[in-house]
Protein backbone atom coordinates (compact mmCIF):
# COMPACT_ATOMS: atom_id res chain seq x y z
CA MET A 1 166.74 -21.34 286.36
CA GLY A 2 166.33 -21.66 282.59
CA TRP A 3 168.33 -24.03 280.42
CA VAL A 4 172.10 -23.60 280.52
CA MET A 5 174.75 -25.97 279.25
CA PRO A 6 178.15 -26.57 280.84
CA PRO A 7 181.00 -24.70 279.09
CA MET A 8 182.80 -27.79 277.85
CA GLY A 9 185.27 -25.89 275.66
CA VAL A 10 186.39 -23.81 278.65
CA LEU A 11 186.65 -26.95 280.77
CA TYR A 12 188.96 -28.54 278.18
CA LEU A 13 191.16 -25.43 278.32
CA ALA A 14 191.18 -25.47 282.12
CA ALA A 15 192.15 -29.15 282.15
CA GLN A 16 195.08 -28.50 279.81
CA LEU A 17 196.29 -25.64 281.99
CA GLU A 18 196.03 -27.81 285.11
CA ARG A 19 197.92 -30.61 283.38
CA ASP A 20 200.77 -28.16 282.74
CA GLY A 21 200.88 -27.08 286.38
CA ILE A 22 199.09 -23.74 285.94
CA ASP A 23 196.63 -22.66 288.63
CA VAL A 24 193.22 -22.02 287.08
CA ARG A 25 189.64 -21.18 288.07
CA VAL A 26 186.47 -21.17 285.94
CA TYR A 27 183.84 -18.47 286.33
CA ASP A 28 180.62 -19.36 284.51
CA ALA A 29 178.29 -16.36 284.59
CA GLN A 30 175.37 -18.63 283.68
CA VAL A 31 175.36 -20.30 287.10
CA ALA A 32 177.62 -18.14 289.27
CA THR A 33 176.38 -17.24 292.73
CA ARG A 34 179.04 -14.53 293.22
CA SER A 35 179.90 -11.48 291.15
CA LEU A 36 182.88 -11.49 288.83
CA ALA A 37 184.30 -8.53 290.75
CA ASP A 38 184.27 -10.54 293.98
CA VAL A 39 186.01 -13.49 292.33
CA LEU A 40 188.65 -11.23 290.74
CA GLY A 41 189.32 -9.65 294.11
CA GLU A 42 189.80 -13.01 295.80
CA TYR A 43 191.72 -14.84 293.08
CA ARG A 44 193.73 -11.95 291.56
CA PRO A 45 194.57 -13.70 288.27
CA ASP A 46 197.47 -12.79 286.00
CA ILE A 47 195.40 -13.76 282.96
CA VAL A 48 191.66 -13.81 282.34
CA GLY A 49 190.42 -15.81 279.36
CA ILE A 50 186.94 -15.10 277.99
CA THR A 51 185.15 -17.34 275.50
CA CYS A 52 183.18 -15.32 272.96
CA ALA A 53 180.36 -16.43 270.70
CA THR A 54 179.15 -13.88 268.17
CA ALA A 55 176.05 -12.87 270.12
CA LEU A 56 178.20 -12.24 273.21
CA VAL A 57 180.67 -9.70 271.77
CA GLU A 58 179.38 -6.78 273.82
CA SER A 59 179.20 -8.93 276.96
CA THR A 60 182.82 -9.95 276.34
CA PHE A 61 183.89 -6.32 276.06
CA ALA A 62 182.02 -5.47 279.26
CA ALA A 63 183.73 -8.32 281.11
CA ALA A 64 187.14 -7.26 279.76
CA LEU A 65 186.52 -3.69 280.99
CA LEU A 66 185.63 -4.99 284.45
CA VAL A 67 188.84 -7.02 284.57
CA LYS A 68 190.98 -4.03 283.60
CA GLU A 69 189.21 -1.77 286.08
CA HIS A 70 190.04 -4.25 288.79
CA ASP A 71 193.69 -4.58 287.74
CA PRO A 72 195.03 -2.93 284.55
CA THR A 73 197.99 -5.33 284.48
CA THR A 74 195.80 -8.43 284.06
CA VAL A 75 196.18 -9.87 280.55
CA VAL A 76 192.80 -10.36 278.87
CA VAL A 77 192.62 -13.17 276.31
CA VAL A 78 189.53 -13.86 274.20
CA GLY A 79 188.85 -17.05 272.27
CA GLY A 80 186.04 -18.90 270.54
CA VAL A 81 184.32 -18.71 267.20
CA HIS A 82 184.01 -14.93 266.90
CA PRO A 83 187.65 -14.10 267.78
CA THR A 84 188.70 -16.81 265.33
CA VAL A 85 186.82 -15.15 262.49
CA ARG A 86 187.14 -11.47 263.48
CA PRO A 87 190.25 -11.05 265.65
CA GLU A 88 190.80 -7.45 264.59
CA GLU A 89 187.33 -6.50 265.82
CA MET A 90 188.10 -8.00 269.22
CA LEU A 91 191.45 -6.19 269.45
CA ARG A 92 189.90 -2.83 268.61
CA CYS A 93 188.69 -3.01 272.19
CA ASP A 94 191.53 -1.56 274.28
CA ASP A 95 190.69 -3.91 277.14
CA VAL A 96 191.44 -7.04 275.06
CA ASP A 97 195.12 -7.95 274.79
CA ILE A 98 195.15 -11.22 272.83
CA ALA A 99 192.70 -13.00 270.50
CA VAL A 100 193.10 -16.75 270.11
CA ARG A 101 192.20 -18.11 266.68
CA GLY A 102 191.07 -21.71 266.36
CA GLU A 103 191.66 -24.44 268.90
CA GLY A 104 193.27 -23.02 272.02
CA LEU A 105 194.46 -25.82 274.29
CA VAL A 106 198.18 -25.59 273.58
CA THR A 107 197.93 -21.90 272.69
CA GLN A 108 196.56 -20.95 276.12
CA VAL A 109 199.37 -22.79 277.91
CA GLU A 110 201.98 -21.02 275.81
CA ILE A 111 200.33 -17.65 276.52
CA ALA A 112 200.42 -18.37 280.27
CA ARG A 113 204.11 -19.23 280.08
CA ALA A 114 204.91 -16.14 278.03
CA VAL A 115 203.07 -13.87 280.48
CA ASP A 116 205.13 -15.52 283.24
CA GLY A 117 208.31 -14.65 281.36
CA ASP A 118 208.99 -18.05 279.84
CA GLY A 119 208.49 -17.39 276.13
CA ASP A 120 207.51 -14.69 273.67
CA LEU A 121 204.05 -13.92 272.26
CA ALA A 122 205.68 -13.48 268.86
CA ASP A 123 206.45 -17.21 268.78
CA ILE A 124 202.95 -18.45 269.64
CA GLN A 125 200.94 -19.84 266.75
CA GLY A 126 197.23 -19.06 266.48
CA ILE A 127 197.07 -15.69 268.22
CA SER A 128 196.50 -12.08 267.20
CA HIS A 129 197.89 -9.31 269.42
CA ARG A 130 199.28 -5.80 269.37
CA VAL A 131 202.93 -4.93 268.75
CA ASP A 132 203.75 -1.22 269.16
CA GLY A 133 200.08 -0.39 268.75
CA GLU A 134 199.66 -2.40 265.53
CA ILE A 135 197.62 -5.61 265.31
CA VAL A 136 199.77 -8.61 264.36
CA HIS A 137 198.35 -11.96 263.30
CA ASN A 138 200.75 -14.79 264.10
CA PRO A 139 200.67 -17.86 261.82
CA ALA A 140 197.76 -20.25 262.32
CA ARG A 141 198.15 -23.24 264.62
CA PRO A 142 197.51 -26.67 263.04
CA LEU A 143 194.86 -28.79 264.73
CA GLU A 144 196.14 -31.45 267.11
CA PRO A 145 195.69 -34.78 265.25
CA ASP A 146 195.79 -37.02 268.35
CA VAL A 147 192.62 -36.11 270.25
CA ASP A 148 193.19 -39.01 272.66
CA ALA A 149 195.97 -36.79 274.02
CA PHE A 150 193.44 -34.20 275.18
CA PRO A 151 192.82 -34.12 278.93
CA PHE A 152 189.31 -34.82 280.15
CA PRO A 153 187.36 -31.60 280.84
CA ALA A 154 187.89 -30.11 284.30
CA ARG A 155 184.33 -30.69 285.48
CA HIS A 156 185.40 -30.25 289.11
CA LEU A 157 185.76 -26.50 288.48
CA VAL A 158 182.04 -25.87 287.86
CA PRO A 159 178.82 -27.00 289.58
CA MET A 160 177.87 -29.70 287.07
CA GLN A 161 174.71 -30.60 289.00
CA THR A 162 173.14 -27.20 288.25
CA TYR A 163 173.12 -27.34 284.44
CA ARG A 164 169.84 -27.87 282.58
CA MET A 165 169.23 -28.85 278.96
CA SER A 166 167.07 -27.03 276.40
CA PRO A 167 163.45 -28.22 276.66
CA ASP A 168 163.46 -29.51 273.07
CA LEU A 169 166.06 -32.07 274.18
CA SER A 170 164.29 -34.20 276.78
CA ILE A 171 166.95 -35.38 279.17
CA ARG A 172 167.09 -36.56 282.76
CA THR A 173 169.00 -34.26 285.07
CA PRO A 174 171.63 -33.99 286.28
CA TYR A 175 173.22 -34.82 282.95
CA ASP A 176 176.69 -34.67 281.46
CA ILE A 177 178.21 -34.12 278.02
CA VAL A 178 180.98 -36.22 276.46
CA PHE A 179 182.52 -35.62 273.03
CA GLY A 180 183.53 -38.70 271.09
CA ALA A 181 184.86 -36.71 268.15
CA PHE A 182 185.56 -33.13 267.12
CA GLY A 183 184.46 -31.51 263.88
CA CYS A 184 182.40 -32.64 260.91
CA PRO A 185 183.53 -33.58 257.39
CA PHE A 186 180.35 -32.22 255.79
CA ASP A 187 180.06 -28.70 254.43
CA CYS A 188 176.61 -27.21 255.09
CA VAL A 189 176.72 -23.50 254.29
CA PHE A 190 175.00 -22.43 257.52
CA CYS A 191 177.20 -24.36 259.96
CA ALA A 192 179.58 -22.45 262.23
CA ALA A 193 181.40 -25.64 263.26
CA GLN A 194 183.54 -25.30 260.14
CA VAL A 195 184.93 -21.98 261.38
CA VAL A 196 187.18 -23.44 264.07
CA MET A 197 187.56 -27.02 262.84
CA GLY A 198 187.94 -26.21 259.15
CA GLY A 199 186.10 -29.27 257.88
CA SER A 200 188.27 -31.68 259.84
CA PHE A 201 186.94 -34.72 261.69
CA ARG A 202 189.01 -36.14 264.53
CA ALA A 203 187.64 -39.15 266.40
CA ARG A 204 188.74 -40.35 269.81
CA SER A 205 189.35 -44.05 270.32
CA VAL A 206 186.39 -45.82 271.90
CA GLY A 207 188.57 -46.92 274.80
CA ASN A 208 189.50 -43.30 275.53
CA ILE A 209 185.84 -42.23 275.43
CA MET A 210 184.82 -45.01 277.79
CA GLU A 211 187.59 -44.06 280.21
CA GLU A 212 186.07 -40.57 280.43
CA ILE A 213 182.53 -41.92 280.83
CA ASP A 214 183.70 -44.19 283.65
CA LEU A 215 185.21 -41.15 285.36
CA VAL A 216 182.06 -39.07 284.86
CA VAL A 217 179.87 -41.83 286.31
CA ARG A 218 182.15 -42.21 289.32
CA ASP A 219 182.66 -38.52 290.11
CA GLN A 220 179.54 -36.77 288.81
CA GLY A 221 176.75 -39.34 289.04
CA PRO A 222 174.70 -38.14 286.04
CA ARG A 223 171.26 -39.58 285.30
CA SER A 224 171.69 -39.21 281.53
CA LEU A 225 174.37 -38.47 278.96
CA LEU A 226 174.56 -36.33 275.85
CA MET A 227 177.16 -37.29 273.28
CA GLY A 228 178.15 -33.87 272.00
CA ASP A 229 179.49 -34.90 268.56
CA ASP A 230 178.18 -32.94 265.58
CA ASN A 231 177.60 -36.30 263.88
CA PHE A 232 177.92 -39.31 266.17
CA VAL A 233 177.42 -41.95 263.47
CA LEU A 234 179.98 -41.73 260.71
CA SER A 235 181.16 -45.34 260.93
CA ALA A 236 178.90 -48.34 261.54
CA GLU A 237 181.88 -50.30 262.88
CA ARG A 238 182.86 -47.60 265.36
CA ASN A 239 179.24 -47.18 266.40
CA ALA A 240 178.98 -50.92 267.09
CA GLU A 241 182.23 -50.88 269.08
CA PHE A 242 181.03 -47.98 271.24
CA CYS A 243 177.62 -49.54 271.85
CA GLY A 244 179.23 -52.87 272.73
CA GLN A 245 181.59 -51.35 275.30
CA TYR A 246 178.82 -49.14 276.73
CA SER A 247 176.55 -52.15 277.22
CA ALA A 248 179.36 -54.33 278.58
CA ARG A 249 179.66 -51.89 281.48
CA GLY A 250 175.91 -52.09 282.14
CA TYR A 251 175.37 -48.44 281.27
CA HIS A 252 172.65 -49.39 278.76
CA ARG A 253 170.45 -50.14 281.78
CA THR A 254 171.47 -47.27 284.06
CA LEU A 255 172.59 -44.29 281.95
CA PRO A 256 170.32 -43.34 279.01
CA TRP A 257 172.06 -41.29 276.36
CA GLN A 258 171.32 -39.34 273.20
CA ILE A 259 173.10 -38.35 270.01
CA ALA A 260 172.90 -36.10 266.96
CA THR A 261 173.55 -37.48 263.50
CA ARG A 262 172.56 -37.19 259.85
CA VAL A 263 169.69 -38.95 258.14
CA ASP A 264 172.07 -40.29 255.48
CA SER A 265 174.46 -41.75 258.08
CA VAL A 266 172.08 -44.34 259.54
CA ASP A 267 170.18 -47.47 258.62
CA ARG A 268 167.89 -49.89 260.47
CA GLU A 269 170.75 -51.91 261.91
CA ILE A 270 172.68 -48.89 263.19
CA LEU A 271 169.61 -47.41 264.87
CA GLN A 272 168.66 -50.72 266.47
CA THR A 273 172.21 -51.09 267.78
CA LEU A 274 171.94 -47.64 269.34
CA ALA A 275 168.60 -48.45 270.96
CA ASP A 276 169.83 -51.78 272.32
CA ALA A 277 172.75 -49.95 273.96
CA GLY A 278 170.48 -47.59 275.88
CA CYS A 279 170.41 -44.66 273.48
CA TYR A 280 166.94 -43.19 273.84
CA LEU A 281 166.92 -40.12 271.56
CA VAL A 282 168.37 -39.38 268.13
CA SER A 283 168.45 -35.83 266.80
CA PHE A 284 168.49 -35.32 263.03
CA GLY A 285 169.27 -32.10 261.19
CA ILE A 286 166.62 -32.35 258.46
CA GLU A 287 166.47 -28.59 257.76
CA SER A 288 163.94 -28.52 254.90
CA ALA A 289 161.38 -30.58 252.99
CA VAL A 290 162.40 -28.98 249.70
CA PRO A 291 165.19 -30.78 247.75
CA ARG A 292 166.12 -27.59 245.89
CA LEU A 293 166.79 -25.77 249.15
CA LEU A 294 168.77 -28.68 250.56
CA ASP A 295 170.97 -28.49 247.47
CA THR A 296 171.34 -24.72 247.96
CA VAL A 297 172.71 -25.16 251.48
CA GLU A 298 174.77 -28.22 250.39
CA LYS A 299 173.15 -30.47 252.94
CA GLY A 300 173.85 -33.60 250.92
CA ALA A 301 170.67 -35.40 252.01
CA ASP A 302 167.06 -35.41 250.84
CA PRO A 303 163.56 -35.63 252.36
CA LYS A 304 163.13 -39.30 251.39
CA GLN A 305 166.22 -40.18 253.41
CA ALA A 306 164.79 -38.16 256.30
CA GLU A 307 161.48 -40.04 256.18
CA ALA A 308 163.25 -43.38 256.15
CA ALA A 309 165.64 -42.49 258.99
CA VAL A 310 162.82 -41.23 261.23
CA ARG A 311 160.73 -44.33 260.52
CA TRP A 312 163.62 -46.70 261.27
CA ALA A 313 164.42 -44.85 264.49
CA LYS A 314 160.83 -45.13 265.68
CA GLU A 315 160.75 -48.82 264.78
CA ALA A 316 163.84 -49.27 266.97
CA GLY A 317 162.01 -47.66 269.88
CA LEU A 318 163.97 -44.39 269.86
CA ARG A 319 162.61 -40.94 270.49
CA VAL A 320 163.31 -38.69 267.53
CA ARG A 321 164.08 -34.99 267.47
CA ALA A 322 164.65 -32.94 264.32
CA THR A 323 165.81 -29.44 263.50
CA PHE A 324 164.41 -27.40 260.62
CA ILE A 325 165.47 -24.05 259.20
CA LEU A 326 163.02 -21.48 257.86
CA GLY A 327 164.05 -18.55 255.67
CA LEU A 328 166.82 -20.29 253.72
CA PRO A 329 168.21 -18.45 250.67
CA GLY A 330 165.62 -18.45 247.90
CA GLU A 331 162.90 -20.02 250.05
CA THR A 332 159.32 -18.94 249.39
CA ARG A 333 156.56 -18.75 251.98
CA GLU A 334 154.93 -21.78 250.36
CA GLU A 335 158.15 -23.76 250.78
CA SER A 336 158.37 -22.72 254.45
CA LEU A 337 154.84 -24.02 254.95
CA GLU A 338 155.78 -27.22 253.11
CA THR A 339 158.64 -27.79 255.57
CA ILE A 340 156.37 -27.16 258.56
CA ALA A 341 153.77 -29.60 257.21
CA PHE A 342 156.49 -32.17 256.55
CA ALA A 343 157.71 -31.93 260.13
CA LYS A 344 154.20 -32.43 261.48
CA ARG A 345 153.63 -35.39 259.16
CA LEU A 346 156.71 -37.24 260.40
CA PRO A 347 156.41 -39.25 263.65
CA LEU A 348 158.72 -36.87 265.50
CA ASP A 349 158.71 -36.39 269.25
CA GLN A 350 160.51 -33.05 269.41
CA VAL A 351 161.52 -30.35 266.96
CA ARG A 352 163.22 -27.03 266.75
CA PHE A 353 162.30 -24.62 263.99
CA ALA A 354 165.15 -22.14 263.60
CA LEU A 355 165.56 -19.15 261.31
CA ALA A 356 168.43 -19.13 258.81
CA THR A 357 171.16 -17.17 260.58
CA PRO A 358 174.36 -16.14 258.76
CA PHE A 359 177.09 -16.37 261.38
CA PRO A 360 180.44 -14.73 260.49
CA GLY A 361 182.81 -17.17 258.83
CA THR A 362 180.07 -19.32 257.29
CA ARG A 363 179.26 -19.33 253.59
CA LEU A 364 175.72 -18.31 254.48
CA TRP A 365 177.26 -15.06 255.74
CA GLU A 366 178.89 -14.56 252.33
CA ILE A 367 175.60 -15.37 250.56
CA ALA A 368 173.75 -12.83 252.68
CA LEU A 369 176.40 -10.19 251.95
CA GLU A 370 176.16 -10.88 248.21
CA GLU A 371 172.37 -10.58 248.35
CA GLY A 372 172.63 -7.34 250.29
CA SER A 373 170.10 -8.72 252.77
CA LEU A 374 172.26 -8.80 255.90
CA GLN A 375 171.25 -6.40 258.66
CA VAL A 376 173.47 -6.62 261.74
CA ASP A 377 173.27 -3.54 263.95
CA ASP A 378 173.95 -5.48 267.13
CA TRP A 379 175.68 -8.86 267.36
CA ILE A 380 173.26 -9.98 270.05
CA ALA A 381 170.54 -10.08 267.38
CA LEU A 382 172.41 -12.89 265.61
CA SER A 383 170.18 -15.67 266.90
CA SER A 384 168.46 -18.54 265.12
CA MET A 385 165.54 -17.98 267.50
CA GLY A 386 165.01 -14.42 266.26
CA GLY A 387 161.26 -14.92 266.13
CA TYR A 388 161.20 -14.63 269.91
CA ARG A 389 163.17 -11.37 270.06
CA GLU A 390 162.28 -7.73 269.57
CA GLY A 391 163.28 -6.05 266.31
CA ASP A 392 164.02 -7.32 262.83
CA ILE A 393 165.84 -10.58 262.18
CA VAL A 394 169.32 -10.27 260.67
CA TYR A 395 168.67 -12.16 257.42
CA VAL A 396 165.60 -12.00 255.21
CA PRO A 397 165.66 -13.81 251.84
CA GLU A 398 164.50 -11.88 248.79
CA GLY A 399 160.73 -11.63 248.64
CA ARG A 400 160.23 -12.33 252.34
CA ASP A 401 159.50 -10.08 255.31
CA SER A 402 161.08 -10.03 258.77
CA GLU A 403 157.80 -9.97 260.67
CA GLU A 404 156.37 -12.71 258.47
CA LEU A 405 159.32 -15.01 259.21
CA LYS A 406 159.28 -14.25 262.94
CA LYS A 407 155.59 -15.02 263.14
CA LEU A 408 156.07 -18.18 261.08
CA GLN A 409 158.78 -19.47 263.43
CA ARG A 410 156.57 -18.98 266.46
CA GLN A 411 153.59 -20.56 264.74
CA ALA A 412 155.66 -23.54 263.57
CA ASN A 413 156.92 -24.40 267.05
CA PHE A 414 153.49 -23.74 268.61
CA SER A 415 151.55 -25.75 266.06
CA PHE A 416 153.89 -28.73 266.41
CA TYR A 417 153.81 -28.96 270.17
CA PHE A 418 150.19 -28.07 270.79
CA ARG A 419 148.82 -31.21 269.22
CA PRO A 420 147.18 -33.93 271.33
CA ARG A 421 149.81 -36.58 270.46
CA ILE A 422 152.72 -34.37 271.47
CA MET A 423 151.04 -32.88 274.55
């Protein structure tokens, strides 16, 4: 089996439904050993919810068709980033009944109650649906401010032991994912996280996080842990509190963990605190070696900060991973090569070179539309790893060529990893 990650967003939804006394099952096609048709026949659900990322639009429509063929009365609800941004597109499919926009925990419970006759779809915030054949967008639902009130994900509904991480994130398996916070206050133009969270940042209390980790250790027995926050280190004080409680439980010796953060959010002391608490890998979004391009995408950090952060992390004994983006707006081939050389010059252990990909709802999407350089014939082509797919990539900056960028992405990843130190 290749790398597949547990569907944590779906597991949060399932946990909320269970908390409200609603019977729920999770079907994860990534790891399922039975067909969806078999499961539908056995379970006979009143509602089927499908999470939809942009590249999975056609797969979502195919799944919705299968549900309706099995039982036309089943209500099909779609949620996720793409339905949040383009609900009308989802509802143009006759097999989709409701599109959930934004965060769906409370929304999904209210939908279930309304389908059961206890409520009206017209009163549910954050959904789009049809009324007499016309698409109606109900008012948006505000984000829940108290994230400690969220239930812990319903991990018991999926085979957690079967999930495997991407090879550019070295991690002992079986592993688990825990979110300490939701959202990111920064505003990078390429980031799809802003679409659902709207620039908000909501942190759980450290005590609440540790309660979940204790439960995961007891029930799942992972050999490593990934903190799923977009930016784990936003407060040195909170970081120190988490590391202290993690170590007090002895997890720093038994459960190695990793994080993602920004190069301008750390210093020597923070990174050493992480390492002392058993964190073994830090992932930085460096993106480019060219300050002008970092300004263009509103990254808010610079290459000197990246060099310092990587150096401090290595001094603390951490493994360091970094992500880079090739083909940013206005980038020349020489600047792409400069970024690749910069990555190879840094003492990094792992990298991912991605291609600039304008996902719907991001400002990079708007930039690409303004440039007239967006080519999306099939949503499945919307992948930051387009260099490994057939056909043209969806976004090519002015003066660049699709084949040139695809080849450059493959060469960048190959040339980084096939060096004696990395091998």
